[in-house]
Amino acid sequence: MRLRLGCELTYDFPAQTPMIVMLNVHSSRFADLEHPDHLISRPAVPIESYRDSYGNWCCRLVAPAGRFTMGTQSVIRDDGTSDPCMPDATQHQVQDLPSETLLYLLGSRYCETDRLSDEAWRLFGNTPFGWARVQAICDFVHNHIQFGYHNSRPTRTAYEAYSEGVGVCRDFAHLAIAFCRCMNIPARYCTGYISDVGQPQLAETMDMAAWMEVYLGGRWYIFDPRNNSPQFGRVLIAQGRDAADVPLTHTFGPNQLTGFRVWIDQI
């Protein structure tokens, strides 16, 4: 299938402000794009691109004072299959994990493994190893956190999401990631698009989504504690330890976000 996707963000800046922007489709899906999803701004400004330490595609620019709009758009080809489900995927012993996965066992800005370790082992210590344990974590998080955009708070951590029982998709992901790491399962944070293909039509405004990938059976698998079911038309933008590594935009000065649109529709 073919999906039209894109986003547009509008800011008001009191002065020239440097920015780092992460809005381009991840390189793992670049070959599926029918044309490059270049970052375009109004007014036009010079844009420099680079890859960060996680392999994500980032753009640097200096936004002018006043109203500033930027965004990307493209059409992506998708095979139409849902997120893979492999119940037999095994959990690795820590000593057998590839070195590059060990970073995703450690605590991070939003995933406080030190504060959640005892609770993780109390909740999941008797669950089967591997896929079943990760699914048990996702089931718990899905049922424990009440979703609502009015509950959004950019500083909420996994421990706070567990304590408060409310949040948005990033909070679901952070808590599930922290629990997985506590159980010695590498887990990383992902952000991107999720289409509504195969889902009931909702009145909610489209937004960027957050999910996680865990390392089982020698590869990374998608798990989505917010939706807690396989989804169609998922398109990765960036991945890292948690949301601190992959903000859609990072601004080096005061600003006001005045407009935000996201779309991903089947053609």
Protein backbone atom coordinates (compact mmCIF):
# COMPACT_ATOMS: atom_id res chain seq x y z
CA MET A 1 0.00 0.00 0.00
CA ARG A 2 0.98 3.68 -0.38
CA LEU A 3 0.79 6.16 2.47
CA ARG A 4 0.91 9.94 2.23
CA LEU A 5 2.66 11.27 5.33
CA GLY A 6 4.01 14.52 6.65
CA CYS A 7 4.00 17.12 9.37
CA GLU A 8 4.04 20.89 9.81
CA LEU A 9 5.11 22.90 12.86
CA THR A 10 4.71 26.65 13.33
CA TYR A 11 6.59 28.70 15.93
CA ASP A 12 6.77 32.31 17.07
CA PHE A 13 10.31 33.35 17.99
CA PRO A 14 11.23 36.62 19.74
CA ALA A 15 14.75 36.46 18.26
CA GLN A 16 16.92 34.36 15.97
CA THR A 17 17.05 30.88 17.52
CA PRO A 18 19.20 27.85 16.63
CA MET A 19 17.30 24.54 16.33
CA ILE A 20 17.93 20.83 15.91
CA VAL A 21 15.06 19.12 14.07
CA MET A 22 14.28 15.40 13.82
CA LEU A 23 11.34 15.05 11.42
CA ASN A 24 12.70 12.98 8.53
CA VAL A 25 11.80 9.33 8.04
CA HIS A 26 14.48 7.00 9.44
CA SER A 27 17.14 5.73 7.05
CA SER A 28 15.82 2.16 7.46
CA ARG A 29 12.72 3.25 5.49
CA PHE A 30 14.38 5.72 3.09
CA ALA A 31 14.31 3.25 0.17
CA ASP A 32 10.51 3.03 0.58
CA LEU A 33 9.98 6.77 -0.02
CA GLU A 34 8.75 7.72 -3.49
CA HIS A 35 10.58 11.03 -3.14
CA PRO A 36 12.84 12.47 -0.40
CA ASP A 37 11.04 14.06 2.54
CA HIS A 38 13.22 17.19 2.59
CA LEU A 39 12.70 19.59 5.46
CA ILE A 40 11.12 22.77 4.02
CA SER A 41 10.75 26.04 5.93
CA ARG A 42 8.88 29.33 5.51
CA PRO A 43 10.71 31.62 5.34
CA ALA A 44 13.49 29.57 3.75
CA VAL A 45 16.70 29.26 5.80
CA PRO A 46 19.97 27.33 5.30
CA ILE A 47 19.65 23.77 6.64
CA GLU A 48 22.56 21.46 7.49
CA SER A 49 21.95 17.71 7.98
CA TYR A 50 23.91 15.12 9.96
CA ARG A 51 23.51 11.72 11.64
CA ASP A 52 23.55 11.59 15.43
CA SER A 53 25.22 8.88 17.52
CA TYR A 54 22.12 6.66 17.17
CA GLY A 55 22.03 6.89 13.38
CA ASN A 56 19.05 9.26 13.27
CA TRP A 57 18.87 11.94 10.56
CA CYS A 58 18.96 15.42 12.08
CA CYS A 59 18.77 18.93 10.65
CA ARG A 60 20.39 22.11 12.02
CA LEU A 61 19.04 25.56 11.27
CA VAL A 62 18.66 29.03 12.72
CA ALA A 63 15.04 30.17 12.84
CA PRO A 64 14.49 33.90 12.25
CA ALA A 65 12.60 36.13 14.64
CA GLY A 66 8.85 36.10 14.12
CA ARG A 67 6.54 33.45 12.63
CA PHE A 68 8.43 30.38 11.35
CA THR A 69 6.92 27.24 9.78
CA MET A 70 8.70 24.03 8.81
CA GLY A 71 7.71 20.53 7.82
CA THR A 72 8.21 17.47 5.68
CA GLN A 73 6.02 15.41 3.36
CA SER A 74 6.33 12.39 1.10
CA VAL A 75 4.66 9.17 -0.04
CA ILE A 76 5.96 5.90 1.35
CA ARG A 77 5.40 2.37 0.09
CA ASP A 78 4.48 -0.14 2.78
CA ASP A 79 4.09 -3.92 2.43
CA GLY A 80 0.77 -3.74 4.28
CA THR A 81 1.70 -6.25 6.96
CA SER A 82 1.25 -5.57 10.64
CA ASP A 83 3.94 -5.37 13.30
CA PRO A 84 5.64 -8.80 13.48
CA CYS A 85 4.60 -11.17 16.25
CA MET A 86 7.09 -13.89 17.26
CA PRO A 87 5.94 -15.56 20.51
CA ASP A 88 8.87 -17.99 20.35
CA ALA A 89 11.50 -15.22 20.38
CA THR A 90 13.89 -15.99 23.22
CA GLN A 91 15.44 -13.77 25.86
CA HIS A 92 19.24 -13.59 25.91
CA GLN A 93 21.35 -13.89 29.02
CA VAL A 94 23.12 -10.60 29.67
CA GLN A 95 26.54 -12.18 29.05
CA ASP A 96 25.37 -13.32 25.62
CA LEU A 97 24.01 -9.97 24.42
CA PRO A 98 25.82 -8.10 21.62
CA SER A 99 27.85 -5.24 23.06
CA GLU A 100 25.89 -2.64 21.09
CA THR A 101 22.68 -3.59 22.93
CA LEU A 102 24.05 -3.12 26.45
CA LEU A 103 23.39 0.63 26.41
CA TYR A 104 19.68 -0.20 26.30
CA LEU A 105 19.86 -2.08 29.61
CA LEU A 106 20.90 1.04 31.51
CA GLY A 107 18.85 3.72 33.19
CA SER A 108 18.34 7.00 31.32
CA ARG A 109 16.78 10.43 31.74
CA TYR A 110 13.15 9.24 31.62
CA CYS A 111 13.63 5.55 32.50
CA GLU A 112 14.81 5.25 36.11
CA THR A 113 15.69 1.58 36.42
CA ASP A 114 17.08 2.15 39.92
CA ARG A 115 13.71 3.35 41.22
CA LEU A 116 11.65 0.69 39.43
CA SER A 117 13.82 -2.43 39.71
CA ASP A 118 12.30 -3.89 42.86
CA GLU A 119 8.76 -3.28 41.61
CA ALA A 120 9.59 -4.78 38.21
CA TRP A 121 10.85 -8.00 39.77
CA ARG A 122 7.82 -8.13 42.08
CA LEU A 123 5.44 -7.75 39.15
CA PHE A 124 7.19 -9.79 36.47
CA GLY A 125 9.72 -12.03 38.20
CA ASN A 126 7.51 -15.09 37.79
CA THR A 127 6.53 -14.50 34.16
CA PRO A 128 8.05 -16.69 31.41
CA PHE A 129 11.26 -15.48 29.79
CA GLY A 130 11.30 -13.90 26.35
CA TRP A 131 8.35 -12.64 24.34
CA ALA A 132 5.80 -13.60 26.99
CA ARG A 133 7.58 -11.49 29.62
CA VAL A 134 7.66 -8.41 27.37
CA GLN A 135 4.00 -8.91 26.51
CA ALA A 136 3.16 -9.19 30.22
CA ILE A 137 4.91 -5.86 30.76
CA CYS A 138 2.98 -4.27 27.89
CA ASP A 139 -0.31 -5.66 29.18
CA PHE A 140 0.37 -4.22 32.62
CA VAL A 141 1.42 -0.79 31.36
CA HIS A 142 -1.51 -0.63 28.92
CA ASN A 143 -3.96 -1.27 31.75
CA HIS A 144 -2.16 0.75 34.42
CA ILE A 145 -1.88 4.10 32.62
CA GLN A 146 -4.96 6.11 31.70
CA PHE A 147 -4.38 7.81 28.33
CA GLY A 148 -5.33 11.42 27.76
CA TYR A 149 -3.73 14.40 26.02
CA HIS A 150 -4.78 16.56 28.97
CA ASN A 151 -2.44 14.38 31.05
CA SER A 152 0.59 15.28 28.94
CA ARG A 153 3.64 16.63 30.77
CA PRO A 154 7.04 16.79 29.04
CA THR A 155 8.98 16.18 32.25
CA ARG A 156 7.08 13.05 33.39
CA THR A 157 9.39 10.07 33.95
CA ALA A 158 8.64 6.35 33.93
CA TYR A 159 8.55 6.28 37.73
CA GLU A 160 6.14 9.21 37.82
CA ALA A 161 3.94 7.60 35.15
CA TYR A 162 3.80 4.45 37.29
CA SER A 163 2.97 6.46 40.43
CA GLU A 164 0.41 8.75 38.78
CA GLY A 165 -1.23 6.21 36.47
CA VAL A 166 -1.82 8.76 33.69
CA GLY A 167 0.01 9.83 30.56
CA VAL A 168 0.35 9.84 26.80
CA CYS A 169 2.07 7.41 24.44
CA ARG A 170 5.59 8.48 25.44
CA ASP A 171 4.76 7.69 29.08
CA PHE A 172 3.50 4.22 28.14
CA ALA A 173 6.74 3.64 26.23
CA HIS A 174 9.00 4.96 28.98
CA LEU A 175 7.43 2.80 31.67
CA ALA A 176 7.51 -0.37 29.55
CA ILE A 177 11.13 0.34 28.54
CA ALA A 178 12.17 0.84 32.16
CA PHE A 179 10.47 -2.40 33.25
CA CYS A 180 12.12 -4.34 30.39
CA ARG A 181 15.55 -3.00 31.29
CA CYS A 182 14.97 -3.92 34.93
CA MET A 183 14.27 -7.49 33.72
CA ASN A 184 17.55 -7.53 31.72
CA ILE A 185 15.85 -7.10 28.33
CA PRO A 186 17.37 -4.37 26.10
CA ALA A 187 14.71 -1.83 25.14
CA ARG A 188 14.88 1.41 23.15
CA TYR A 189 12.50 4.30 22.55
CA CYS A 190 11.06 4.96 19.08
CA THR A 191 9.08 7.84 17.63
CA GLY A 192 7.32 8.15 14.30
CA TYR A 193 4.03 7.82 12.46
CA ILE A 194 1.30 5.23 13.04
CA SER A 195 -1.50 5.16 10.50
CA ASP A 196 -5.12 4.32 11.29
CA VAL A 197 -5.20 1.62 8.59
CA GLY A 198 -7.29 -1.27 9.87
CA GLN A 199 -8.46 0.73 12.89
CA PRO A 200 -11.82 2.33 13.72
CA GLN A 201 -12.04 5.93 12.53
CA LEU A 202 -11.54 8.21 15.54
CA ALA A 203 -12.22 11.91 15.98
CA GLU A 204 -8.80 12.44 17.58
CA THR A 205 -6.31 14.70 15.78
CA MET A 206 -3.38 12.77 14.29
CA ASP A 207 -0.16 13.04 16.28
CA MET A 208 3.32 11.58 16.30
CA ALA A 209 3.49 8.33 18.24
CA ALA A 210 5.93 6.62 20.60
CA TRP A 211 6.61 2.91 21.01
CA MET A 212 9.54 0.68 21.92
CA GLU A 213 11.74 -1.99 20.39
CA VAL A 214 13.15 -4.85 22.45
CA TYR A 215 16.01 -7.18 21.64
CA LEU A 216 14.89 -10.83 21.60
CA GLY A 217 16.05 -13.82 19.59
CA GLY A 218 18.91 -11.95 17.93
CA ARG A 219 16.94 -8.96 16.57
CA TRP A 220 14.84 -5.95 17.54
CA TYR A 221 11.04 -6.31 17.74
CA ILE A 222 8.35 -3.65 17.97
CA PHE A 223 6.10 -3.50 21.04
CA ASP A 224 3.48 -0.80 21.53
CA PRO A 225 2.19 -0.61 25.12
CA ARG A 226 -0.12 2.30 24.28
CA ASN A 227 -2.11 0.43 21.62
CA ASN A 228 -1.06 -3.06 22.79
CA SER A 229 -1.94 -4.66 19.47
CA PRO A 230 -0.18 -5.05 16.10
CA GLN A 231 -0.56 -1.91 13.98
CA PHE A 232 -0.37 -1.30 10.23
CA GLY A 233 1.53 1.49 8.52
CA ARG A 234 4.07 2.22 11.25
CA VAL A 235 6.89 4.50 10.02
CA LEU A 236 9.95 5.13 12.18
CA ILE A 237 11.53 8.57 12.46
CA ALA A 238 14.09 8.15 15.24
CA GLN A 239 15.20 5.86 18.08
CA GLY A 240 17.29 6.29 21.21
CA ARG A 241 17.43 5.58 24.94
CA ASP A 242 14.31 7.65 25.65
CA ALA A 243 12.52 10.80 24.50
CA ALA A 244 15.44 12.99 25.58
CA ASP A 245 17.49 11.51 22.71
CA VAL A 246 14.87 11.96 20.00
CA PRO A 247 12.86 15.18 20.43
CA LEU A 248 11.12 16.24 17.23
CA THR A 249 12.62 19.68 17.76
CA HIS A 250 15.16 21.10 20.16
CA THR A 251 15.20 24.91 20.41
CA PHE A 252 18.06 26.90 21.92
CA GLY A 253 16.00 29.84 23.10
CA PRO A 254 12.47 30.96 24.07
CA ASN A 255 9.65 30.23 21.64
CA GLN A 256 5.96 29.44 21.35
CA LEU A 257 4.61 26.51 19.32
CA THR A 258 1.49 27.89 17.66
CA GLY A 259 0.65 25.17 15.13
CA PHE A 260 1.22 21.42 14.84
CA ARG A 261 -0.19 19.10 12.15
CA VAL A 262 0.60 15.45 11.43
CA TRP A 263 -0.90 13.26 8.72
CA ILE A 264 -0.48 9.70 7.45
CA ASP A 265 -3.23 8.52 5.12
CA GLN A 266 -3.60 5.57 2.78
CA ILE A 267 -3.74 6.58 -0.88
